[in-house]
């Protein structure tokens, strides 16, 4: 779950996963552009437990105690509202096994500076 279908880059973006937060479960992220795929560095996808103060909970998109993955997205990931598929997956399984959870959402990415310009500053 995300709060919008338009994601500006060059900032942190929270993505909600409708699964209970389990300490130690690691999520990874990737972006599929259709003709190529970008995998986020491990440190660019950080998880935490959703609380009442999180925007996704306040907007009733996620329940407290579910999982939020915060992605650190650089401007070089997007250009002019490019449509991509964003994937989140877990990798706590033994090496060589498939992730036990995969989530995906279709979004449009745009550089932060373009988002500010389009929004009128």
PDB file of N, CA and C in Angstrom:
ATOM      1  N   UNK A   1       0.835  -1.168   0.000  1.00  0.00           N
ATOM      2  CA  UNK A   1       0.000   0.000   0.000  1.00  0.00           C
ATOM      3  C   UNK A   1       0.883   1.236   0.000  1.00  0.00           C
ATOM      4  N   UNK A   2       0.499   2.168  -0.802  1.00  0.00           N
ATOM      5  CA  UNK A   2       1.163   3.463  -0.808  1.00  0.00           C
ATOM      6  C   UNK A   2       0.084   4.531  -0.730  1.00  0.00           C
ATOM      7  N   UNK A   3       0.477   5.714  -0.290  1.00  0.00           N
ATOM      8  CA  UNK A   3      -0.493   6.790  -0.101  1.00  0.00           C
ATOM      9  C   UNK A   3      -0.891   7.443  -1.419  1.00  0.00           C
ATOM     10  N   UNK A   4      -0.157   7.182  -2.500  1.00  0.00           N
ATOM     11  CA  UNK A   4      -0.431   7.792  -3.793  1.00  0.00           C
ATOM     12  C   UNK A   4       0.097   6.894  -4.898  1.00  0.00           C
ATOM     13  N   UNK A   5      -0.365   7.083  -6.126  1.00  0.00           N
ATOM     14  CA  UNK A   5       0.175   6.336  -7.263  1.00  0.00           C
ATOM     15  C   UNK A   5       1.332   7.071  -7.921  1.00  0.00           C
ATOM     16  N   UNK A   6       1.651   8.268  -7.438  1.00  0.00           N
ATOM     17  CA  UNK A   6       2.747   9.057  -7.972  1.00  0.00           C
ATOM     18  C   UNK A   6       3.808   9.187  -6.895  1.00  0.00           C
ATOM     19  N   UNK A   7       5.011   8.700  -7.154  1.00  0.00           N
ATOM     20  CA  UNK A   7       6.073   8.706  -6.159  1.00  0.00           C
ATOM     21  C   UNK A   7       7.227   9.591  -6.608  1.00  0.00           C
ATOM     22  N   UNK A   8       7.427  10.716  -5.940  1.00  0.00           N
ATOM     23  CA  UNK A   8       8.612  11.516  -6.245  1.00  0.00           C
ATOM     24  C   UNK A   8       9.848  10.837  -5.663  1.00  0.00           C
ATOM     25  N   UNK A   9      10.946  10.922  -6.374  1.00  0.00           N
ATOM     26  CA  UNK A   9      12.199  10.313  -5.921  1.00  0.00           C
ATOM     27  C   UNK A   9      13.031  11.332  -5.159  1.00  0.00           C
ATOM     28  N   UNK A  10      14.265  10.984  -4.853  1.00  0.00           N
ATOM     29  CA  UNK A  10      15.217  11.812  -4.100  1.00  0.00           C
ATOM     30  C   UNK A  10      14.718  12.075  -2.677  1.00  0.00           C
ATOM     31  N   UNK A  11      14.069  11.065  -2.123  1.00  0.00           N
ATOM     32  CA  UNK A  11      13.572  11.145  -0.757  1.00  0.00           C
ATOM     33  C   UNK A  11      13.187   9.742  -0.302  1.00  0.00           C
ATOM     34  N   UNK A  12      12.800   9.633   0.936  1.00  0.00           N
ATOM     35  CA  UNK A  12      12.330   8.356   1.462  1.00  0.00           C
ATOM     36  C   UNK A  12      10.825   8.220   1.208  1.00  0.00           C
ATOM     37  N   UNK A  13      10.422   7.013   0.842  1.00  0.00           N
ATOM     38  CA  UNK A  13       9.023   6.727   0.523  1.00  0.00           C
ATOM     39  C   UNK A  13       8.590   5.517   1.348  1.00  0.00           C
ATOM     40  N   UNK A  14       7.472   5.657   2.066  1.00  0.00           N
ATOM     41  CA  UNK A  14       6.943   4.546   2.850  1.00  0.00           C
ATOM     42  C   UNK A  14       5.976   3.714   2.012  1.00  0.00           C
ATOM     43  N   UNK A  15       6.182   2.407   2.052  1.00  0.00           N
ATOM     44  CA  UNK A  15       5.309   1.455   1.373  1.00  0.00           C
ATOM     45  C   UNK A  15       4.797   0.489   2.433  1.00  0.00           C
ATOM     46  N   UNK A  16       3.484   0.346   2.530  1.00  0.00           N
ATOM     47  CA  UNK A  16       2.899  -0.542   3.525  1.00  0.00           C
ATOM     48  C   UNK A  16       2.711  -1.943   2.984  1.00  0.00           C
ATOM     49  N   UNK A  17       2.937  -2.921   3.846  1.00  0.00           N
ATOM     50  CA  UNK A  17       2.717  -4.328   3.512  1.00  0.00           C
ATOM     51  C   UNK A  17       1.691  -4.855   4.505  1.00  0.00           C
ATOM     52  N   UNK A  18       0.591  -5.378   4.003  1.00  0.00           N
ATOM     53  CA  UNK A  18      -0.465  -5.892   4.889  1.00  0.00           C
ATOM     54  C   UNK A  18      -0.082  -7.258   5.432  1.00  0.00           C
ATOM     55  N   UNK A  19       0.930  -7.220   6.250  1.00  0.00           N
ATOM     56  CA  UNK A  19       1.415  -8.421   6.945  1.00  0.00           C
ATOM     57  C   UNK A  19       1.917  -7.961   8.300  1.00  0.00           C
ATOM     58  N   UNK A  20       1.745  -8.778   9.322  1.00  0.00           N
ATOM     59  CA  UNK A  20       2.241  -8.384  10.643  1.00  0.00           C
ATOM     60  C   UNK A  20       3.743  -8.121  10.596  1.00  0.00           C
ATOM     61  N   UNK A  21       4.170  -7.086  11.307  1.00  0.00           N
ATOM     62  CA  UNK A  21       5.599  -6.812  11.408  1.00  0.00           C
ATOM     63  C   UNK A  21       6.233  -7.906  12.257  1.00  0.00           C
ATOM     64  N   UNK A  22       7.284  -8.493  11.750  1.00  0.00           N
ATOM     65  CA  UNK A  22       8.041  -9.503  12.479  1.00  0.00           C
ATOM     66  C   UNK A  22       9.482  -9.024  12.527  1.00  0.00           C
ATOM     67  N   UNK A  23       9.959  -8.787  13.742  1.00  0.00           N
ATOM     68  CA  UNK A  23      11.321  -8.313  13.915  1.00  0.00           C
ATOM     69  C   UNK A  23      12.299  -9.311  13.293  1.00  0.00           C
ATOM     70  N   UNK A  24      13.201  -8.814  12.472  1.00  0.00           N
ATOM     71  CA  UNK A  24      14.200  -9.669  11.837  1.00  0.00           C
ATOM     72  C   UNK A  24      13.854 -10.092  10.426  1.00  0.00           C
ATOM     73  N   UNK A  25      12.582  -9.964  10.021  1.00  0.00           N
ATOM     74  CA  UNK A  25      12.225 -10.290   8.643  1.00  0.00           C
ATOM     75  C   UNK A  25      12.682  -9.138   7.763  1.00  0.00           C
ATOM     76  N   UNK A  26      13.446  -9.456   6.759  1.00  0.00           N
ATOM     77  CA  UNK A  26      14.080  -8.454   5.905  1.00  0.00           C
ATOM     78  C   UNK A  26      13.332  -8.363   4.583  1.00  0.00           C
ATOM     79  N   UNK A  27      12.988  -7.148   4.163  1.00  0.00           N
ATOM     80  CA  UNK A  27      12.369  -6.926   2.862  1.00  0.00           C
ATOM     81  C   UNK A  27      13.402  -6.325   1.914  1.00  0.00           C
ATOM     82  N   UNK A  28      13.297  -6.710   0.665  1.00  0.00           N
ATOM     83  CA  UNK A  28      14.126  -6.155  -0.389  1.00  0.00           C
ATOM     84  C   UNK A  28      13.202  -5.542  -1.421  1.00  0.00           C
ATOM     85  N   UNK A  29      13.720  -4.649  -2.257  1.00  0.00           N
ATOM     86  CA  UNK A  29      12.881  -3.955  -3.230  1.00  0.00           C
ATOM     87  C   UNK A  29      13.529  -3.960  -4.604  1.00  0.00           C
ATOM     88  N   UNK A  30      12.677  -3.903  -5.607  1.00  0.00           N
ATOM     89  CA  UNK A  30      13.134  -3.817  -6.978  1.00  0.00           C
ATOM     90  C   UNK A  30      12.138  -3.040  -7.811  1.00  0.00           C
ATOM     91  N   UNK A  31      12.627  -2.438  -8.870  1.00  0.00           N
ATOM     92  CA  UNK A  31      11.778  -1.701  -9.808  1.00  0.00           C
ATOM     93  C   UNK A  31      11.938  -2.347 -11.177  1.00  0.00           C
ATOM     94  N   UNK A  32      10.811  -2.700 -11.792  1.00  0.00           N
ATOM     95  CA  UNK A  32      10.805  -3.292 -13.128  1.00  0.00           C
ATOM     96  C   UNK A  32      10.345  -2.222 -14.109  1.00  0.00           C
ATOM     97  N   UNK A  33      11.244  -1.840 -14.995  1.00  0.00           N
ATOM     98  CA  UNK A  33      10.942  -0.820 -15.998  1.00  0.00           C
ATOM     99  C   UNK A  33      10.345  -1.418 -17.268  1.00  0.00           C
ATOM    100  N   UNK A  34      10.195  -2.723 -17.327  1.00  0.00           N
ATOM    101  CA  UNK A  34       9.696  -3.380 -18.527  1.00  0.00           C
ATOM    102  C   UNK A  34      10.828  -3.980 -19.344  1.00  0.00           C
ATOM    103  N   UNK A  35      11.868  -3.189 -19.570  1.00  0.00           N
ATOM    104  CA  UNK A  35      13.014  -3.687 -20.341  1.00  0.00           C
ATOM    105  C   UNK A  35      14.255  -3.890 -19.477  1.00  0.00           C
ATOM    106  N   UNK A  36      14.206  -3.444 -18.230  1.00  0.00           N
ATOM    107  CA  UNK A  36      15.298  -3.673 -17.289  1.00  0.00           C
ATOM    108  C   UNK A  36      14.767  -3.603 -15.864  1.00  0.00           C
ATOM    109  N   UNK A  37      15.559  -4.122 -14.941  1.00  0.00           N
ATOM    110  CA  UNK A  37      15.168  -4.163 -13.536  1.00  0.00           C
ATOM    111  C   UNK A  37      16.255  -3.534 -12.686  1.00  0.00           C
ATOM    112  N   UNK A  38      15.844  -2.769 -11.688  1.00  0.00           N
ATOM    113  CA  UNK A  38      16.775  -2.174 -10.728  1.00  0.00           C
ATOM    114  C   UNK A  38      16.485  -2.775  -9.362  1.00  0.00           C
ATOM    115  N   UNK A  39      17.514  -3.295  -8.701  1.00  0.00           N
ATOM    116  CA  UNK A  39      17.364  -3.797  -7.340  1.00  0.00           C
ATOM    117  C   UNK A  39      17.970  -2.796  -6.378  1.00  0.00           C
ATOM    118  N   UNK A  40      17.210  -2.434  -5.355  1.00  0.00           N
ATOM    119  CA  UNK A  40      17.685  -1.492  -4.344  1.00  0.00           C
ATOM    120  C   UNK A  40      18.823  -2.123  -3.554  1.00  0.00           C
ATOM    121  N   UNK A  41      19.759  -1.296  -3.119  1.00  0.00           N
ATOM    122  CA  UNK A  41      20.796  -1.759  -2.208  1.00  0.00           C
ATOM    123  C   UNK A  41      20.127  -2.114  -0.885  1.00  0.00           C
ATOM    124  N   UNK A  42      20.722  -3.023  -0.165  1.00  0.00           N
ATOM    125  CA  UNK A  42      20.144  -3.510   1.094  1.00  0.00           C
ATOM    126  C   UNK A  42      19.808  -2.358   2.040  1.00  0.00           C
ATOM    127  N   UNK A  43      20.677  -1.369   2.159  1.00  0.00           N
ATOM    128  CA  UNK A  43      20.456  -0.264   3.093  1.00  0.00           C
ATOM    129  C   UNK A  43      19.377   0.706   2.605  1.00  0.00           C
ATOM    130  N   UNK A  44      18.903   0.566   1.372  1.00  0.00           N
ATOM    131  CA  UNK A  44      17.884   1.470   0.832  1.00  0.00           C
ATOM    132  C   UNK A  44      16.462   0.939   0.985  1.00  0.00           C
ATOM    133  N   UNK A  45      16.284  -0.146   1.740  1.00  0.00           N
ATOM    134  CA  UNK A  45      14.962  -0.683   2.057  1.00  0.00           C
ATOM    135  C   UNK A  45      14.974  -1.098   3.521  1.00  0.00           C
ATOM    136  N   UNK A  46      14.375  -0.258   4.375  1.00  0.00           N
ATOM    137  CA  UNK A  46      14.403  -0.458   5.824  1.00  0.00           C
ATOM    138  C   UNK A  46      12.974  -0.661   6.324  1.00  0.00           C
ATOM    139  N   UNK A  47      12.770  -1.645   7.191  1.00  0.00           N
ATOM    140  CA  UNK A  47      11.425  -1.935   7.691  1.00  0.00           C
ATOM    141  C   UNK A  47      11.231  -1.445   9.123  1.00  0.00           C
ATOM    142  N   UNK A  48       9.969  -1.161   9.446  1.00  0.00           N
ATOM    143  CA  UNK A  48       9.596  -0.869  10.826  1.00  0.00           C
ATOM    144  C   UNK A  48       8.119  -1.202  11.040  1.00  0.00           C
ATOM    145  N   UNK A  49       7.746  -1.291  12.284  1.00  0.00           N
ATOM    146  CA  UNK A  49       6.366  -1.589  12.677  1.00  0.00           C
ATOM    147  C   UNK A  49       5.515  -0.333  12.501  1.00  0.00           C
ATOM    148  N   UNK A  50       4.359  -0.466  11.859  1.00  0.00           N
ATOM    149  CA  UNK A  50       3.434   0.659  11.688  1.00  0.00           C
ATOM    150  C   UNK A  50       2.842   1.052  13.035  1.00  0.00           C
ATOM    151  N   UNK A  51       2.716   2.355  13.257  1.00  0.00           N
ATOM    152  CA  UNK A  51       2.097   2.885  14.476  1.00  0.00           C
ATOM    153  C   UNK A  51       0.989   3.857  14.089  1.00  0.00           C
ATOM    154  N   UNK A  52       0.221   4.282  15.064  1.00  0.00           N
ATOM    155  CA  UNK A  52      -0.885   5.226  14.832  1.00  0.00           C
ATOM    156  C   UNK A  52      -0.408   6.529  14.193  1.00  0.00           C
ATOM    157  N   UNK A  53       0.842   6.896  14.410  1.00  0.00           N
ATOM    158  CA  UNK A  53       1.352   8.166  13.883  1.00  0.00           C
ATOM    159  C   UNK A  53       1.819   8.083  12.429  1.00  0.00           C
ATOM    160  N   UNK A  54       1.889   6.890  11.855  1.00  0.00           N
ATOM    161  CA  UNK A  54       2.310   6.746  10.460  1.00  0.00           C
ATOM    162  C   UNK A  54       1.192   7.168   9.514  1.00  0.00           C
ATOM    163  N   UNK A  55       1.532   7.879   8.453  1.00  0.00           N
ATOM    164  CA  UNK A  55       0.561   8.389   7.483  1.00  0.00           C
ATOM    165  C   UNK A  55      -0.286   7.270   6.883  1.00  0.00           C
ATOM    166  N   UNK A  56       0.309   6.128   6.577  1.00  0.00           N
ATOM    167  CA  UNK A  56      -0.444   5.027   5.987  1.00  0.00           C
ATOM    168  C   UNK A  56      -1.519   4.508   6.943  1.00  0.00           C
ATOM    169  N   UNK A  57      -1.265   4.541   8.239  1.00  0.00           N
ATOM    170  CA  UNK A  57      -2.267   4.132   9.235  1.00  0.00           C
ATOM    171  C   UNK A  57      -3.320   5.230   9.355  1.00  0.00           C
ATOM    172  N   UNK A  58      -2.903   6.486   9.400  1.00  0.00           N
ATOM    173  CA  UNK A  58      -3.848   7.595   9.511  1.00  0.00           C
ATOM    174  C   UNK A  58      -4.806   7.648   8.323  1.00  0.00           C
ATOM    175  N   UNK A  59      -4.335   7.248   7.140  1.00  0.00           N
ATOM    176  CA  UNK A  59      -5.178   7.225   5.946  1.00  0.00           C
ATOM    177  C   UNK A  59      -5.962   5.920   5.813  1.00  0.00           C
ATOM    178  N   UNK A  60      -5.894   5.063   6.832  1.00  0.00           N
ATOM    179  CA  UNK A  60      -6.611   3.786   6.877  1.00  0.00           C
ATOM    180  C   UNK A  60      -6.206   2.844   5.743  1.00  0.00           C
ATOM    181  N   UNK A  61      -4.943   2.955   5.310  1.00  0.00           N
ATOM    182  CA  UNK A  61      -4.410   2.055   4.292  1.00  0.00           C
ATOM    183  C   UNK A  61      -3.671   0.878   4.910  1.00  0.00           C
ATOM    184  N   UNK A  62      -3.360   1.002   6.191  1.00  0.00           N
ATOM    185  CA  UNK A  62      -2.591  -0.014   6.899  1.00  0.00           C
ATOM    186  C   UNK A  62      -3.031  -0.006   8.357  1.00  0.00           C
ATOM    187  N   UNK A  63      -2.921  -1.126   9.018  1.00  0.00           N
ATOM    188  CA  UNK A  63      -3.263  -1.236  10.437  1.00  0.00           C
ATOM    189  C   UNK A  63      -1.998  -1.097  11.283  1.00  0.00           C
ATOM    190  N   UNK A  64      -2.130  -0.585  12.507  1.00  0.00           N
ATOM    191  CA  UNK A  64      -0.978  -0.594  13.415  1.00  0.00           C
ATOM    192  C   UNK A  64      -0.460  -2.026  13.561  1.00  0.00           C
ATOM    193  N   UNK A  65       0.822  -2.152  13.762  1.00  0.00           N
ATOM    194  CA  UNK A  65       1.516  -3.439  13.911  1.00  0.00           C
ATOM    195  C   UNK A  65       1.726  -4.178  12.604  1.00  0.00           C
ATOM    196  N   UNK A  66       1.311  -3.596  11.473  1.00  0.00           N
ATOM    197  CA  UNK A  66       1.673  -4.176  10.184  1.00  0.00           C
ATOM    198  C   UNK A  66       3.035  -3.605   9.778  1.00  0.00           C
ATOM    199  N   UNK A  67       3.486  -3.933   8.584  1.00  0.00           N
ATOM    200  CA  UNK A  67       4.858  -3.634   8.167  1.00  0.00           C
ATOM    201  C   UNK A  67       4.921  -2.431   7.239  1.00  0.00           C
ATOM    202  N   UNK A  68       5.866  -1.547   7.499  1.00  0.00           N
ATOM    203  CA  UNK A  68       6.177  -0.446   6.592  1.00  0.00           C
ATOM    204  C   UNK A  68       7.612  -0.618   6.130  1.00  0.00           C
ATOM    205  N   UNK A  69       7.806  -0.546   4.819  1.00  0.00           N
ATOM    206  CA  UNK A  69       9.136  -0.577   4.230  1.00  0.00           C
ATOM    207  C   UNK A  69       9.421   0.829   3.727  1.00  0.00           C
ATOM    208  N   UNK A  70      10.478   1.435   4.246  1.00  0.00           N
ATOM    209  CA  UNK A  70      10.872   2.773   3.814  1.00  0.00           C
ATOM    210  C   UNK A  70      11.973   2.632   2.777  1.00  0.00           C
ATOM    211  N   UNK A  71      11.691   3.141   1.565  1.00  0.00           N
ATOM    212  CA  UNK A  71      12.647   3.063   0.469  1.00  0.00           C
ATOM    213  C   UNK A  71      13.361   4.392   0.307  1.00  0.00           C
ATOM    214  N   UNK A  72      14.643   4.357   0.129  1.00  0.00           N
ATOM    215  CA  UNK A  72      15.442   5.541  -0.175  1.00  0.00           C
ATOM    216  C   UNK A  72      15.620   5.570  -1.687  1.00  0.00           C
ATOM    217  N   UNK A  73      14.904   6.472  -2.352  1.00  0.00           N
ATOM    218  CA  UNK A  73      14.847   6.479  -3.809  1.00  0.00           C
ATOM    219  C   UNK A  73      15.583   7.685  -4.371  1.00  0.00           C
ATOM    220  N   UNK A  74      16.606   7.453  -5.171  1.00  0.00           N
ATOM    221  CA  UNK A  74      17.367   8.555  -5.762  1.00  0.00           C
ATOM    222  C   UNK A  74      16.703   9.043  -7.049  1.00  0.00           C
ATOM    223  N   UNK A  75      17.043  10.272  -7.458  1.00  0.00           N
ATOM    224  CA  UNK A  75      16.457  10.866  -8.664  1.00  0.00           C
ATOM    225  C   UNK A  75      16.788  10.097  -9.934  1.00  0.00           C
ATOM    226  N   UNK A  76      17.893   9.368  -9.950  1.00  0.00           N
ATOM    227  CA  UNK A  76      18.256   8.668 -11.178  1.00  0.00           C
ATOM    228  C   UNK A  76      17.374   7.450 -11.462  1.00  0.00           C
ATOM    229  N   UNK A  77      16.420   7.148 -10.587  1.00  0.00           N
ATOM    230  CA  UNK A  77      15.503   6.037 -10.807  1.00  0.00           C
ATOM    231  C   UNK A  77      14.324   6.414 -11.708  1.00  0.00           C
ATOM    232  N   UNK A  78      14.103   7.709 -11.941  1.00  0.00           N
ATOM    233  CA  UNK A  78      12.883   8.110 -12.655  1.00  0.00           C
ATOM    234  C   UNK A  78      13.126   9.296 -13.566  1.00  0.00           C
ATOM    235  N   UNK A  79      12.210   9.433 -14.519  1.00  0.00           N
ATOM    236  CA  UNK A  79      12.214  10.590 -15.394  1.00  0.00           C
ATOM    237  C   UNK A  79      10.805  10.814 -15.925  1.00  0.00           C
ATOM    238  N   UNK A  80      10.251  11.971 -15.701  1.00  0.00           N
ATOM    239  CA  UNK A  80       8.952  12.391 -16.231  1.00  0.00           C
ATOM    240  C   UNK A  80       7.832  11.375 -16.023  1.00  0.00           C
ATOM    241  N   UNK A  81       7.568  11.051 -14.768  1.00  0.00           N
ATOM    242  CA  UNK A  81       6.451  10.195 -14.375  1.00  0.00           C
ATOM    243  C   UNK A  81       6.483   8.838 -15.071  1.00  0.00           C
ATOM    244  N   UNK A  82       7.639   8.240 -15.146  1.00  0.00           N
ATOM    245  CA  UNK A  82       7.773   6.936 -15.785  1.00  0.00           C
ATOM    246  C   UNK A  82       7.000   5.867 -15.002  1.00  0.00           C
ATOM    247  N   UNK A  83       6.239   5.042 -15.728  1.00  0.00           N
ATOM    248  CA  UNK A  83       5.454   3.966 -15.108  1.00  0.00           C
ATOM    249  C   UNK A  83       6.362   2.761 -14.895  1.00  0.00           C
ATOM    250  N   UNK A  84       6.325   2.233 -13.670  1.00  0.00           N
ATOM    251  CA  UNK A  84       7.142   1.077 -13.304  1.00  0.00           C
ATOM    252  C   UNK A  84       6.327   0.156 -12.396  1.00  0.00           C
ATOM    253  N   UNK A  85       6.814  -1.039 -12.224  1.00  0.00           N
ATOM    254  CA  UNK A  85       6.274  -1.955 -11.224  1.00  0.00           C
ATOM    255  C   UNK A  85       7.265  -2.000 -10.079  1.00  0.00           C
ATOM    256  N   UNK A  86       6.773  -1.733  -8.889  1.00  0.00           N
ATOM    257  CA  UNK A  86       7.590  -1.762  -7.683  1.00  0.00           C
ATOM    258  C   UNK A  86       7.324  -3.080  -6.972  1.00  0.00           C
ATOM    259  N   UNK A  87       8.396  -3.827  -6.670  1.00  0.00           N
ATOM    260  CA  UNK A  87       8.287  -5.121  -6.002  1.00  0.00           C
ATOM    261  C   UNK A  87       8.953  -5.067  -4.643  1.00  0.00           C
ATOM    262  N   UNK A  88       8.305  -5.658  -3.649  1.00  0.00           N
ATOM    263  CA  UNK A  88       8.886  -5.885  -2.327  1.00  0.00           C
ATOM    264  C   UNK A  88       8.848  -7.375  -2.082  1.00  0.00           C
ATOM    265  N   UNK A  89       9.937  -7.922  -1.582  1.00  0.00           N
ATOM    266  CA  UNK A  89       9.974  -9.342  -1.310  1.00  0.00           C
ATOM    267  C   UNK A  89      10.876  -9.627  -0.115  1.00  0.00           C
ATOM    268  N   UNK A  90      10.621 -10.757   0.520  1.00  0.00           N
ATOM    269  CA  UNK A  90      11.406 -11.162   1.688  1.00  0.00           C
ATOM    270  C   UNK A  90      12.425 -12.214   1.272  1.00  0.00           C
ATOM    271  N   UNK A  91      13.498 -12.252   2.004  1.00  0.00           N
ATOM    272  CA  UNK A  91      14.551 -13.228   1.698  1.00  0.00           C
ATOM    273  C   UNK A  91      15.121 -13.831   2.968  1.00  0.00           C
ATOM    274  N   UNK A  92      14.277 -14.264   3.886  1.00  0.00           N
ATOM    275  CA  UNK A  92      14.753 -14.920   5.098  1.00  0.00           C
ATOM    276  C   UNK A  92      14.851 -16.426   4.913  1.00  0.00           C
ATOM    277  N   UNK A  93      14.488 -16.921   3.744  1.00  0.00           N
ATOM    278  CA  UNK A  93      14.533 -18.358   3.479  1.00  0.00           C
ATOM    279  C   UNK A  93      15.984 -18.799   3.310  1.00  0.00           C
ATOM    280  N   UNK A  94      16.221 -20.096   3.379  1.00  0.00           N
ATOM    281  CA  UNK A  94      17.572 -20.572   3.063  1.00  0.00           C
ATOM    282  C   UNK A  94      17.968 -20.164   1.641  1.00  0.00           C
ATOM    283  N   UNK A  95      19.246 -19.986   1.425  1.00  0.00           N
ATOM    284  CA  UNK A  95      19.764 -19.562   0.119  1.00  0.00           C
ATOM    285  C   UNK A  95      19.241 -20.506  -0.968  1.00  0.00           C
ATOM    286  N   UNK A  96      18.811 -19.909  -2.079  1.00  0.00           N
ATOM    287  CA  UNK A  96      18.348 -20.693  -3.214  1.00  0.00           C
ATOM    288  C   UNK A  96      16.855 -20.922  -3.255  1.00  0.00           C
ATOM    289  N   UNK A  97      16.138 -20.584  -2.184  1.00  0.00           N
ATOM    290  CA  UNK A  97      14.690 -20.751  -2.181  1.00  0.00           C
ATOM    291  C   UNK A  97      14.005 -19.449  -2.570  1.00  0.00           C
ATOM    292  N   UNK A  98      12.784 -19.569  -3.059  1.00  0.00           N
ATOM    293  CA  UNK A  98      12.002 -18.403  -3.450  1.00  0.00           C
ATOM    294  C   UNK A  98      11.588 -17.603  -2.229  1.00  0.00           C
ATOM    295  N   UNK A  99      11.386 -16.285  -2.404  1.00  0.00           N
ATOM    296  CA  UNK A  99      10.875 -15.473  -1.293  1.00  0.00           C
ATOM    297  C   UNK A  99       9.520 -16.008  -0.851  1.00  0.00           C
ATOM    298  N   UNK A 100       9.217 -15.938   0.461  1.00  0.00           N
ATOM    299  CA  UNK A 100       7.924 -16.432   0.928  1.00  0.00           C
ATOM    300  C   UNK A 100       6.838 -15.395   0.829  1.00  0.00           C
ATOM    301  N   UNK A 101       7.198 -14.143   0.481  1.00  0.00           N
ATOM    302  CA  UNK A 101       6.189 -13.105   0.288  1.00  0.00           C
ATOM    303  C   UNK A 101       6.685 -12.151  -0.774  1.00  0.00           C
ATOM    304  N   UNK A 102       5.835 -11.877  -1.770  1.00  0.00           N
ATOM    305  CA  UNK A 102       6.151 -10.904  -2.812  1.00  0.00           C
ATOM    306  C   UNK A 102       4.952  -9.981  -2.954  1.00  0.00           C
ATOM    307  N   UNK A 103       5.204  -8.679  -2.922  1.00  0.00           N
ATOM    308  CA  UNK A 103       4.155  -7.676  -3.119  1.00  0.00           C
ATOM    309  C   UNK A 103       4.558  -6.814  -4.307  1.00  0.00           C
ATOM    310  N   UNK A 104       3.573  -6.371  -5.075  1.00  0.00           N
ATOM    311  CA  UNK A 104       3.880  -5.493  -6.202  1.00  0.00           C
ATOM    312  C   UNK A 104       2.788  -4.445  -6.367  1.00  0.00           C
ATOM    313  N   UNK A 105       3.183  -3.316  -6.923  1.00  0.00           N
ATOM    314  CA  UNK A 105       2.248  -2.234  -7.214  1.00  0.00           C
ATOM    315  C   UNK A 105       2.786  -1.464  -8.415  1.00  0.00           C
ATOM    316  N   UNK A 106       1.879  -1.044  -9.285  1.00  0.00           N
ATOM    317  CA  UNK A 106       2.245  -0.216 -10.436  1.00  0.00           C
ATOM    318  C   UNK A 106       2.185   1.248 -10.011  1.00  0.00           C
ATOM    319  N   UNK A 107       3.273   1.975 -10.218  1.00  0.00           N
ATOM    320  CA  UNK A 107       3.362   3.378  -9.806  1.00  0.00           C
ATOM    321  C   UNK A 107       4.020   4.198 -10.899  1.00  0.00           C
ATOM    322  N   UNK A 108       3.947   5.506 -10.741  1.00  0.00           N
ATOM    323  CA  UNK A 108       4.696   6.423 -11.612  1.00  0.00           C
ATOM    324  C   UNK A 108       5.747   7.110 -10.763  1.00  0.00           C
ATOM    325  N   UNK A 109       6.987   7.086 -11.238  1.00  0.00           N
ATOM    326  CA  UNK A 109       8.097   7.728 -10.544  1.00  0.00           C
ATOM    327  C   UNK A 109       8.457   9.017 -11.249  1.00  0.00           C
ATOM    328  N   UNK A 110       8.868  10.006 -10.482  1.00  0.00           N
ATOM    329  CA  UNK A 110       9.305  11.275 -11.051  1.00  0.00           C
ATOM    330  C   UNK A 110      10.400  11.861 -10.175  1.00  0.00           C
ATOM    331  N   UNK A 111      11.371  12.546 -10.797  1.00  0.00           N
ATOM    332  CA  UNK A 111      12.386  13.224  -9.993  1.00  0.00           C
ATOM    333  C   UNK A 111      11.726  14.242  -9.057  1.00  0.00           C
ATOM    334  N   UNK A 112      12.289  14.379  -7.871  1.00  0.00           N
ATOM    335  CA  UNK A 112      11.749  15.276  -6.860  1.00  0.00           C
ATOM    336  C   UNK A 112      11.581  16.704  -7.381  1.00  0.00           C
ATOM    337  N   UNK A 113      12.581  17.207  -8.097  1.00  0.00           N
ATOM    338  CA  UNK A 113      12.528  18.592  -8.588  1.00  0.00           C
ATOM    339  C   UNK A 113      11.358  18.799  -9.534  1.00  0.00           C
ATOM    340  N   UNK A 114      11.022  17.773 -10.334  1.00  0.00           N
ATOM    341  CA  UNK A 114       9.897  17.885 -11.251  1.00  0.00           C
ATOM    342  C   UNK A 114       8.571  17.872 -10.486  1.00  0.00           C
ATOM    343  N   UNK A 115       8.516  17.096  -9.406  1.00  0.00           N
ATOM    344  CA  UNK A 115       7.316  17.035  -8.584  1.00  0.00           C
ATOM    345  C   UNK A 115       7.031  18.379  -7.916  1.00  0.00           C
ATOM    346  N   UNK A 116       8.085  19.038  -7.452  1.00  0.00           N
ATOM    347  CA  UNK A 116       7.916  20.372  -6.843  1.00  0.00           C
ATOM    348  C   UNK A 116       7.446  21.370  -7.885  1.00  0.00           C
ATOM    349  N   UNK A 117       8.061  21.329  -9.064  1.00  0.00           N
ATOM    350  CA  UNK A 117       7.700  22.234 -10.143  1.00  0.00           C
ATOM    351  C   UNK A 117       6.246  22.041 -10.560  1.00  0.00           C
ATOM    352  N   UNK A 118       5.819  20.776 -10.685  1.00  0.00           N
ATOM    353  CA  UNK A 118       4.445  20.467 -11.102  1.00  0.00           C
ATOM    354  C   UNK A 118       3.442  20.884 -10.030  1.00  0.00           C
ATOM    355  N   UNK A 119       3.891  20.857  -8.770  1.00  0.00           N
ATOM    356  CA  UNK A 119       3.003  21.207  -7.671  1.00  0.00           C
ATOM    357  C   UNK A 119       2.965  22.701  -7.374  1.00  0.00           C
ATOM    358  N   UNK A 120       3.757  23.487  -8.081  1.00  0.00           N
ATOM    359  CA  UNK A 120       3.751  24.924  -7.883  1.00  0.00           C
ATOM    360  C   UNK A 120       4.679  25.405  -6.779  1.00  0.00           C
ATOM    361  N   UNK A 121       5.568  24.512  -6.282  1.00  0.00           N
ATOM    362  CA  UNK A 121       6.591  24.917  -5.322  1.00  0.00           C
ATOM    363  C   UNK A 121       6.139  24.805  -3.949  1.00  0.00           C
TER     364      UNK A 121
END
